[in-house]
Amino acid sequence: QVQLVESGGGLMQPGGSLGLSCAASGSISSVRIMGWYRQAPGKERELVAWITSGGVTNYSDSVKGRFTISRDNAKNTIYLQMNSLEPEDTAVYYCNAEINWRYYWGQGTQVTVSS
């Protein structure tokens, strides 16, 4: 069974930094696009950033210049480095990936930005 597991969430003060990781495991034959989404209470789930297997990236306007997505194809892992965090970044962050020609979601990790 394919699984995606996120880690690295937590509590941070405004202006601080956090790094998230998402590792895919199981019987994996193909991994294509991978990305991060987030969902704040009362809001729709939204795209944060995605990255292709070739390293092409895309970011939502709200995180451009502050967040960086990267991946290690050998480890089937993606990362999200979050700098200059704002209270508006508070949300559950979910990993998503196209694996074996279908999409999978991780369980999510809570990021809270508060003083």
N, C-alpha and C. Protein backbone atom coordinates (compact mmCIF):
# COMPACT_ATOMS: atom_id res chain seq x y z
N GLN A 1 0.85 -1.19 0.00
CA GLN A 1 0.00 0.00 0.00
C GLN A 1 0.88 1.24 0.00
N VAL A 2 0.57 2.18 -0.85
CA VAL A 2 1.30 3.43 -0.93
C VAL A 2 0.86 4.35 0.20
N GLN A 3 1.81 5.00 0.83
CA GLN A 3 1.52 5.96 1.88
C GLN A 3 2.35 7.22 1.69
N LEU A 4 1.78 8.35 2.10
CA LEU A 4 2.49 9.61 2.20
C LEU A 4 2.44 10.05 3.65
N VAL A 5 3.58 10.37 4.22
CA VAL A 5 3.65 10.77 5.62
C VAL A 5 4.35 12.10 5.73
N GLU A 6 3.65 13.10 6.28
CA GLU A 6 4.22 14.42 6.49
C GLU A 6 4.82 14.53 7.88
N SER A 7 5.81 15.40 8.01
CA SER A 7 6.41 15.67 9.30
C SER A 7 6.96 17.09 9.31
N GLY A 8 7.19 17.61 10.51
CA GLY A 8 7.83 18.91 10.65
C GLY A 8 6.94 20.05 11.09
N GLY A 9 5.65 19.81 11.20
CA GLY A 9 4.74 20.86 11.63
C GLY A 9 4.94 21.21 13.09
N GLY A 10 4.34 22.31 13.49
CA GLY A 10 4.45 22.74 14.86
C GLY A 10 4.03 24.18 15.05
N LEU A 11 4.43 24.74 16.18
CA LEU A 11 4.11 26.12 16.53
C LEU A 11 5.32 27.01 16.31
N MET A 12 5.10 28.14 15.65
CA MET A 12 6.18 29.09 15.41
C MET A 12 5.66 30.51 15.52
N GLN A 13 6.51 31.41 16.00
CA GLN A 13 6.16 32.83 16.09
C GLN A 13 6.19 33.46 14.71
N PRO A 14 5.41 34.53 14.50
CA PRO A 14 5.50 35.26 13.24
C PRO A 14 6.93 35.67 12.94
N GLY A 15 7.32 35.52 11.68
CA GLY A 15 8.67 35.82 11.27
C GLY A 15 9.62 34.64 11.35
N GLY A 16 9.20 33.56 11.98
CA GLY A 16 10.03 32.39 12.12
C GLY A 16 9.99 31.48 10.91
N SER A 17 10.65 30.33 11.04
CA SER A 17 10.76 29.37 9.95
C SER A 17 10.44 27.97 10.41
N LEU A 18 9.90 27.18 9.51
CA LEU A 18 9.65 25.76 9.71
C LEU A 18 9.94 25.03 8.42
N GLY A 19 10.36 23.78 8.54
CA GLY A 19 10.57 22.93 7.39
C GLY A 19 9.71 21.69 7.47
N LEU A 20 8.99 21.39 6.40
CA LEU A 20 8.13 20.22 6.33
C LEU A 20 8.74 19.19 5.39
N SER A 21 8.47 17.92 5.68
CA SER A 21 8.90 16.83 4.82
C SER A 21 7.72 15.92 4.53
N CYS A 22 7.74 15.29 3.37
CA CYS A 22 6.72 14.32 2.99
C CYS A 22 7.42 13.18 2.27
N ALA A 23 7.31 11.99 2.84
CA ALA A 23 7.97 10.82 2.27
C ALA A 23 6.94 9.81 1.78
N ALA A 24 7.10 9.36 0.56
CA ALA A 24 6.25 8.31 0.00
C ALA A 24 6.90 6.95 0.21
N SER A 25 6.07 5.97 0.54
CA SER A 25 6.58 4.62 0.75
C SER A 25 5.58 3.61 0.22
N GLY A 26 6.02 2.37 0.10
CA GLY A 26 5.17 1.30 -0.41
C GLY A 26 5.68 0.77 -1.74
N SER A 27 4.80 0.12 -2.46
CA SER A 27 5.15 -0.43 -3.77
C SER A 27 5.01 0.65 -4.81
N ILE A 28 6.10 1.32 -5.09
CA ILE A 28 6.10 2.48 -5.97
C ILE A 28 6.79 2.16 -7.29
N SER A 29 6.06 2.35 -8.37
CA SER A 29 6.62 2.17 -9.70
C SER A 29 6.87 3.50 -10.39
N SER A 30 6.04 4.50 -10.08
CA SER A 30 6.14 5.79 -10.74
C SER A 30 5.75 6.90 -9.78
N VAL A 31 6.52 7.97 -9.75
CA VAL A 31 6.19 9.18 -9.01
C VAL A 31 6.35 10.35 -9.95
N ARG A 32 5.28 11.09 -10.14
CA ARG A 32 5.34 12.24 -11.03
C ARG A 32 5.22 13.52 -10.20
N ILE A 33 4.22 14.33 -10.43
CA ILE A 33 4.14 15.59 -9.72
C ILE A 33 3.83 15.38 -8.24
N MET A 34 4.43 16.20 -7.38
CA MET A 34 4.18 16.18 -5.95
C MET A 34 3.99 17.62 -5.50
N GLY A 35 3.18 17.81 -4.46
CA GLY A 35 2.91 19.16 -4.02
C GLY A 35 2.41 19.26 -2.60
N TRP A 36 2.34 20.49 -2.15
CA TRP A 36 1.82 20.81 -0.83
C TRP A 36 0.54 21.62 -0.96
N TYR A 37 -0.44 21.26 -0.17
CA TYR A 37 -1.69 21.99 -0.05
C TYR A 37 -1.90 22.34 1.41
N ARG A 38 -2.77 23.30 1.68
CA ARG A 38 -3.09 23.62 3.06
C ARG A 38 -4.56 23.96 3.19
N GLN A 39 -5.08 23.78 4.39
CA GLN A 39 -6.47 24.08 4.67
C GLN A 39 -6.60 24.70 6.05
N ALA A 40 -7.06 25.93 6.09
CA ALA A 40 -7.33 26.62 7.34
C ALA A 40 -8.78 26.39 7.75
N PRO A 41 -9.09 26.50 9.04
CA PRO A 41 -10.47 26.31 9.48
C PRO A 41 -11.45 27.20 8.74
N GLY A 42 -12.52 26.60 8.24
CA GLY A 42 -13.54 27.35 7.54
C GLY A 42 -13.21 27.73 6.12
N LYS A 43 -12.06 27.30 5.62
CA LYS A 43 -11.65 27.64 4.26
C LYS A 43 -11.46 26.40 3.40
N GLU A 44 -11.47 26.61 2.10
CA GLU A 44 -11.22 25.52 1.17
C GLU A 44 -9.74 25.14 1.17
N ARG A 45 -9.47 23.89 0.86
CA ARG A 45 -8.09 23.47 0.70
C ARG A 45 -7.50 24.16 -0.53
N GLU A 46 -6.30 24.69 -0.39
CA GLU A 46 -5.67 25.43 -1.46
C GLU A 46 -4.26 24.94 -1.74
N LEU A 47 -3.85 25.12 -2.98
CA LEU A 47 -2.49 24.76 -3.38
C LEU A 47 -1.49 25.73 -2.76
N VAL A 48 -0.41 25.19 -2.23
CA VAL A 48 0.71 25.99 -1.76
C VAL A 48 1.81 26.02 -2.81
N ALA A 49 2.24 24.85 -3.23
CA ALA A 49 3.28 24.74 -4.24
C ALA A 49 3.31 23.32 -4.78
N TRP A 50 3.79 23.18 -6.02
CA TRP A 50 4.03 21.85 -6.57
C TRP A 50 5.37 21.80 -7.27
N ILE A 51 5.85 20.60 -7.49
CA ILE A 51 7.13 20.41 -8.14
C ILE A 51 7.08 19.13 -8.97
N THR A 52 7.59 19.20 -10.19
CA THR A 52 7.63 18.03 -11.07
C THR A 52 8.87 17.21 -10.77
N SER A 53 8.91 16.02 -11.34
CA SER A 53 10.07 15.16 -11.16
C SER A 53 11.34 15.79 -11.74
N GLY A 54 11.17 16.69 -12.70
CA GLY A 54 12.29 17.39 -13.29
C GLY A 54 12.69 18.66 -12.57
N GLY A 55 11.97 19.02 -11.51
CA GLY A 55 12.33 20.17 -10.72
C GLY A 55 11.63 21.46 -11.07
N VAL A 56 10.65 21.43 -11.96
CA VAL A 56 9.88 22.62 -12.26
C VAL A 56 8.92 22.91 -11.11
N THR A 57 8.88 24.14 -10.65
CA THR A 57 8.08 24.50 -9.48
C THR A 57 7.02 25.54 -9.80
N ASN A 58 6.03 25.59 -8.94
CA ASN A 58 4.97 26.59 -9.02
C ASN A 58 4.52 26.91 -7.60
N TYR A 59 4.28 28.21 -7.32
CA TYR A 59 3.87 28.65 -6.00
C TYR A 59 2.62 29.50 -6.07
N SER A 60 1.82 29.42 -5.03
CA SER A 60 0.71 30.35 -4.91
C SER A 60 1.26 31.74 -4.62
N ASP A 61 0.51 32.76 -5.01
CA ASP A 61 0.98 34.13 -4.82
C ASP A 61 1.23 34.45 -3.35
N SER A 62 0.47 33.85 -2.46
CA SER A 62 0.57 34.17 -1.05
C SER A 62 1.87 33.71 -0.40
N VAL A 63 2.58 32.78 -1.03
CA VAL A 63 3.81 32.25 -0.43
C VAL A 63 5.04 32.52 -1.27
N LYS A 64 4.89 33.10 -2.44
CA LYS A 64 6.04 33.38 -3.29
C LYS A 64 7.06 34.26 -2.57
N GLY A 65 8.32 33.87 -2.66
CA GLY A 65 9.38 34.62 -2.01
C GLY A 65 9.62 34.23 -0.57
N ARG A 66 8.72 33.46 0.02
CA ARG A 66 8.86 33.05 1.41
C ARG A 66 9.04 31.54 1.57
N PHE A 67 8.36 30.76 0.73
CA PHE A 67 8.43 29.30 0.81
C PHE A 67 9.23 28.75 -0.36
N THR A 68 9.88 27.62 -0.13
CA THR A 68 10.63 26.94 -1.18
C THR A 68 10.30 25.45 -1.14
N ILE A 69 9.88 24.92 -2.28
CA ILE A 69 9.62 23.49 -2.39
C ILE A 69 10.79 22.83 -3.09
N SER A 70 11.14 21.64 -2.65
CA SER A 70 12.22 20.88 -3.27
C SER A 70 11.90 19.40 -3.15
N ARG A 71 12.68 18.56 -3.85
CA ARG A 71 12.43 17.12 -3.76
C ARG A 71 13.72 16.34 -3.95
N ASP A 72 13.69 15.14 -3.41
CA ASP A 72 14.77 14.18 -3.57
C ASP A 72 14.14 12.96 -4.21
N ASN A 73 14.33 12.80 -5.51
CA ASN A 73 13.68 11.72 -6.23
C ASN A 73 14.14 10.34 -5.75
N ALA A 74 15.39 10.23 -5.35
CA ALA A 74 15.90 8.95 -4.87
C ALA A 74 15.21 8.50 -3.60
N LYS A 75 14.74 9.46 -2.79
CA LYS A 75 14.07 9.15 -1.54
C LYS A 75 12.55 9.27 -1.64
N ASN A 76 12.04 9.63 -2.81
CA ASN A 76 10.60 9.86 -2.99
C ASN A 76 10.07 10.81 -1.92
N THR A 77 10.78 11.89 -1.72
CA THR A 77 10.48 12.83 -0.66
C THR A 77 10.46 14.26 -1.19
N ILE A 78 9.51 15.06 -0.71
CA ILE A 78 9.50 16.48 -1.00
C ILE A 78 9.60 17.25 0.31
N TYR A 79 10.02 18.50 0.18
CA TYR A 79 10.23 19.36 1.33
C TYR A 79 9.57 20.71 1.08
N LEU A 80 9.24 21.38 2.15
CA LEU A 80 8.74 22.74 2.07
C LEU A 80 9.42 23.56 3.14
N GLN A 81 10.30 24.45 2.72
CA GLN A 81 10.96 25.36 3.65
C GLN A 81 10.13 26.63 3.73
N MET A 82 9.65 26.95 4.92
CA MET A 82 8.76 28.07 5.12
C MET A 82 9.48 29.12 5.96
N ASN A 83 9.72 30.28 5.37
CA ASN A 83 10.37 31.39 6.05
C ASN A 83 9.40 32.56 6.18
N SER A 84 9.74 33.49 7.06
CA SER A 84 8.93 34.69 7.27
C SER A 84 7.47 34.33 7.48
N LEU A 85 7.22 33.38 8.36
CA LEU A 85 5.87 32.89 8.57
C LEU A 85 4.95 33.99 9.11
N GLU A 86 3.71 33.93 8.67
CA GLU A 86 2.68 34.87 9.07
C GLU A 86 1.52 34.11 9.71
N PRO A 87 0.73 34.78 10.55
CA PRO A 87 -0.43 34.10 11.14
C PRO A 87 -1.35 33.50 10.08
N GLU A 88 -1.43 34.13 8.91
CA GLU A 88 -2.27 33.63 7.83
C GLU A 88 -1.79 32.30 7.26
N ASP A 89 -0.58 31.90 7.60
CA ASP A 89 -0.06 30.60 7.16
C ASP A 89 -0.56 29.45 8.02
N THR A 90 -1.24 29.76 9.11
CA THR A 90 -1.76 28.73 10.00
C THR A 90 -2.77 27.85 9.26
N ALA A 91 -2.51 26.55 9.25
CA ALA A 91 -3.36 25.61 8.53
C ALA A 91 -2.83 24.20 8.74
N VAL A 92 -3.62 23.23 8.32
CA VAL A 92 -3.12 21.87 8.19
C VAL A 92 -2.52 21.75 6.80
N TYR A 93 -1.29 21.31 6.74
CA TYR A 93 -0.58 21.18 5.47
C TYR A 93 -0.59 19.73 5.03
N TYR A 94 -1.03 19.50 3.79
CA TYR A 94 -1.17 18.16 3.25
C TYR A 94 -0.22 17.95 2.07
N CYS A 95 0.34 16.78 2.02
CA CYS A 95 1.15 16.37 0.89
C CYS A 95 0.28 15.64 -0.12
N ASN A 96 0.51 15.87 -1.40
CA ASN A 96 -0.21 15.20 -2.46
C ASN A 96 0.78 14.75 -3.53
N ALA A 97 0.55 13.58 -4.09
CA ALA A 97 1.48 13.08 -5.09
C ALA A 97 0.79 12.15 -6.06
N GLU A 98 1.24 12.19 -7.31
CA GLU A 98 0.79 11.23 -8.31
C GLU A 98 1.75 10.06 -8.27
N ILE A 99 1.26 8.93 -7.79
CA ILE A 99 2.07 7.73 -7.62
C ILE A 99 1.35 6.57 -8.29
N ASN A 100 2.07 5.85 -9.12
CA ASN A 100 1.48 4.71 -9.83
C ASN A 100 0.22 5.11 -10.58
N TRP A 101 0.27 6.29 -11.19
CA TRP A 101 -0.79 6.80 -12.05
C TRP A 101 -2.10 7.10 -11.33
N ARG A 102 -2.03 7.42 -10.05
CA ARG A 102 -3.16 7.91 -9.31
C ARG A 102 -2.64 8.86 -8.22
N TYR A 103 -3.55 9.64 -7.64
CA TYR A 103 -3.16 10.63 -6.65
C TYR A 103 -3.41 10.13 -5.23
N TYR A 104 -2.48 10.49 -4.33
CA TYR A 104 -2.58 10.13 -2.93
C TYR A 104 -2.44 11.37 -2.07
N TRP A 105 -3.08 11.33 -0.90
CA TRP A 105 -2.98 12.39 0.09
C TRP A 105 -2.34 11.87 1.37
N GLY A 106 -1.54 12.71 2.00
CA GLY A 106 -1.05 12.41 3.33
C GLY A 106 -2.08 12.76 4.38
N GLN A 107 -1.78 12.45 5.62
CA GLN A 107 -2.71 12.71 6.72
C GLN A 107 -2.73 14.17 7.14
N GLY A 108 -1.69 14.91 6.83
CA GLY A 108 -1.61 16.31 7.16
C GLY A 108 -0.80 16.56 8.42
N THR A 109 -0.22 17.75 8.49
CA THR A 109 0.53 18.17 9.66
C THR A 109 0.15 19.61 9.99
N GLN A 110 -0.08 19.88 11.26
CA GLN A 110 -0.55 21.19 11.69
C GLN A 110 0.59 22.18 11.78
N VAL A 111 0.40 23.34 11.18
CA VAL A 111 1.31 24.47 11.31
C VAL A 111 0.54 25.62 11.94
N THR A 112 1.03 26.10 13.06
CA THR A 112 0.39 27.20 13.76
C THR A 112 1.39 28.33 13.92
N VAL A 113 1.02 29.51 13.45
CA VAL A 113 1.88 30.69 13.55
C VAL A 113 1.18 31.69 14.46
N SER A 114 1.74 31.89 15.62
CA SER A 114 1.11 32.75 16.62
C SER A 114 2.14 33.23 17.61
N SER A 115 1.94 34.44 18.10
CA SER A 115 2.79 34.98 19.15
C SER A 115 2.22 34.68 20.53
